[in-house]
Structure formats: C-alpha cells, structure tokens
C-alpha atoms as a PDB file:
ATOM      1  CA  MET A   1      93.856  96.038 116.012  1.00  0.00           C
ATOM      2  CA  ARG A   2      93.331  99.700 116.134  1.00  0.00           C
ATOM      3  CA  ALA A   3      95.689 102.074 113.896  1.00  0.00           C
ATOM      4  CA  HIS A   4      97.133 103.338 117.249  1.00  0.00           C
ATOM      5  CA  GLU A   5      97.773 100.331 118.627  1.00  0.00           C
ATOM      6  CA  LEU A   6      99.806  99.436 115.618  1.00  0.00           C
ATOM      7  CA  ARG A   7     101.503 102.641 115.544  1.00  0.00           C
ATOM      8  CA  GLU A   8     103.578 101.884 119.177  1.00  0.00           C
ATOM      9  CA  LYS A   9     104.938  98.449 117.251  1.00  0.00           C
ATOM     10  CA  SER A  10     108.508  98.635 115.817  1.00  0.00           C
ATOM     11  CA  ILE A  11     108.781  97.835 112.119  1.00  0.00           C
ATOM     12  CA  THR A  12     109.974  94.118 112.653  1.00  0.00           C
ATOM     13  CA  GLU A  13     106.538  93.204 114.751  1.00  0.00           C
ATOM     14  CA  LEU A  14     104.464  95.171 111.929  1.00  0.00           C
ATOM     15  CA  LYS A  15     106.038  93.228 108.977  1.00  0.00           C
ATOM     16  CA  ALA A  16     105.534  89.632 111.197  1.00  0.00           C
ATOM     17  CA  ARG A  17     101.632  90.610 111.477  1.00  0.00           C
ATOM     18  CA  LEU A  18     101.577  91.576 107.580  1.00  0.00           C
ATOM     19  CA  LYS A  19     102.774  87.862 106.909  1.00  0.00           C
ATOM     20  CA  ASP A  20     100.515  86.420 109.135  1.00  0.00           C
ATOM     21  CA  GLU A  21      97.656  88.373 107.739  1.00  0.00           C
ATOM     22  CA  LYS A  22      98.896  87.808 104.057  1.00  0.00           C
ATOM     23  CA  LYS A  23      99.028  83.796 104.976  1.00  0.00           C
ATOM     24  CA  ALA A  24      95.329  84.354 106.578  1.00  0.00           C
ATOM     25  CA  LEU A  25      93.923  85.489 103.450  1.00  0.00           C
ATOM     26  CA  GLN A  26      95.433  83.407 101.249  1.00  0.00           C
ATOM     27  CA  ASP A  27      94.006  80.714 103.645  1.00  0.00           C
ATOM     28  CA  MET A  28      90.418  82.206 103.254  1.00  0.00           C
ATOM     29  CA  LYS A  29      90.316  82.247  99.249  1.00  0.00           C
ATOM     30  CA  PHE A  30      91.776  78.836  99.454  1.00  0.00           C
ATOM     31  CA  ASN A  31      88.866  77.540 101.480  1.00  0.00           C
ATOM     32  CA  ARG A  32      86.334  79.606  99.262  1.00  0.00           C
ATOM     33  CA  ALA A  33      87.743  78.269  96.200  1.00  0.00           C
ATOM     34  CA  ILE A  34      87.328  74.697  97.369  1.00  0.00           C
ATOM     35  CA  ALA A  35      84.668  74.243  99.658  1.00  0.00           C
ATOM     36  CA  GLY A  36      82.591  77.264  98.190  1.00  0.00           C
ATOM     37  CA  GLN A  37      82.050  78.928 101.298  1.00  0.00           C
ATOM     38  CA  LEU A  38      83.441  80.252 104.473  1.00  0.00           C
ATOM     39  CA  GLU A  39      82.044  80.346 107.997  1.00  0.00           C
ATOM     40  CA  ASN A  40      82.876  84.313 108.315  1.00  0.00           C
ATOM     41  CA  PRO A  41      82.723  86.083 104.404  1.00  0.00           C
ATOM     42  CA  ALA A  42      83.219  89.369 106.209  1.00  0.00           C
ATOM     43  CA  ARG A  43      86.306  88.389 107.526  1.00  0.00           C
ATOM     44  CA  VAL A  44      87.808  88.325 104.475  1.00  0.00           C
ATOM     45  CA  LYS A  45      87.236  92.089 103.751  1.00  0.00           C
ATOM     46  CA  MET A  46      88.252  92.749 107.424  1.00  0.00           C
ATOM     47  CA  THR A  47      91.620  90.947 106.568  1.00  0.00           C
ATOM     48  CA  ARG A  48      92.389  93.007 103.705  1.00  0.00           C
ATOM     49  CA  ARG A  49      91.703  96.227 105.261  1.00  0.00           C
ATOM     50  CA  GLU A  50      94.033  95.194 107.984  1.00  0.00           C
ATOM     51  CA  ILE A  51      96.660  94.556 105.553  1.00  0.00           C
ATOM     52  CA  ALA A  52      96.373  98.101 103.659  1.00  0.00           C
ATOM     53  CA  ARG A  53      96.154  99.249 107.002  1.00  0.00           C
ATOM     54  CA  LEU A  54      99.589  97.668 107.955  1.00  0.00           C
ATOM     55  CA  HIS A  55     100.935  98.804 104.802  1.00  0.00           C
ATOM     56  CA  THR A  56     100.089 102.182 105.581  1.00  0.00           C
ATOM     57  CA  ILE A  57     101.806 102.160 108.548  1.00  0.00           C
ATOM     58  CA  ILE A  58     104.741 100.301 108.010  1.00  0.00           C
ATOM     59  CA  THR A  59     105.350 103.327 104.943  1.00  0.00           C
ATOM     60  CA  GLU A  60     104.672 106.039 107.608  1.00  0.00           C
ATOM     61  CA  LYS A  61     107.537 104.040 110.134  1.00  0.00           C
ATOM     62  CA  GLU A  62     110.100 103.935 106.907  1.00  0.00           C
ATOM     63  CA  GLN A  63     109.731 107.416 105.829  1.00  0.00           C
ATOM     64  CA  GLU A  64     110.220 108.591 109.804  1.00  0.00           C
ATOM     65  CA  GLU A  65     113.346 106.453 109.666  1.00  0.00           C
ATOM     66  CA  SER A  66     114.639 107.949 106.693  1.00  0.00           C
ATOM     67  CA  ALA A  67     113.852 111.665 107.321  1.00  0.00           C
ATOM     68  CA  GLY A  68     114.827 111.758 110.909  1.00  0.00           C
END
C-alpha cells in the first residue's frame, strides 16, 4: 500500500496493520530459519519497508493530534 493511501487511515487501523506486518515478518524469519529458504525472499525486504513506513505515518499522525 502506498504512503498516501496509508495516511487516509486512522491510527487504530494503522496500528492493527503494523501488528499484522510484524507477525508476517516473524513468520518469514522463522520459516527461513527452519526450512532454509523462502518462497519469495524479496518479500522480507518489502515487509521491513512497510513496517518502517507504518511507523513513520503513525508518528506523524500522533504528532498532529498532540499539536492540534
């Protein structure tokens, strides 16, 4: 999902999505450790970037709420 699409969501929705992404990343790391390979290794990088994007947008929204 693109950043401008994420900015339209509420903080609660973003935090839920962040939780899901972290769980997915944990599962991928576990599968890589056990099986030694992943179906799509590039997905780990994409998931990490999505987590960072979500953290950034959540922080922006929280600062907007406290300032305004």
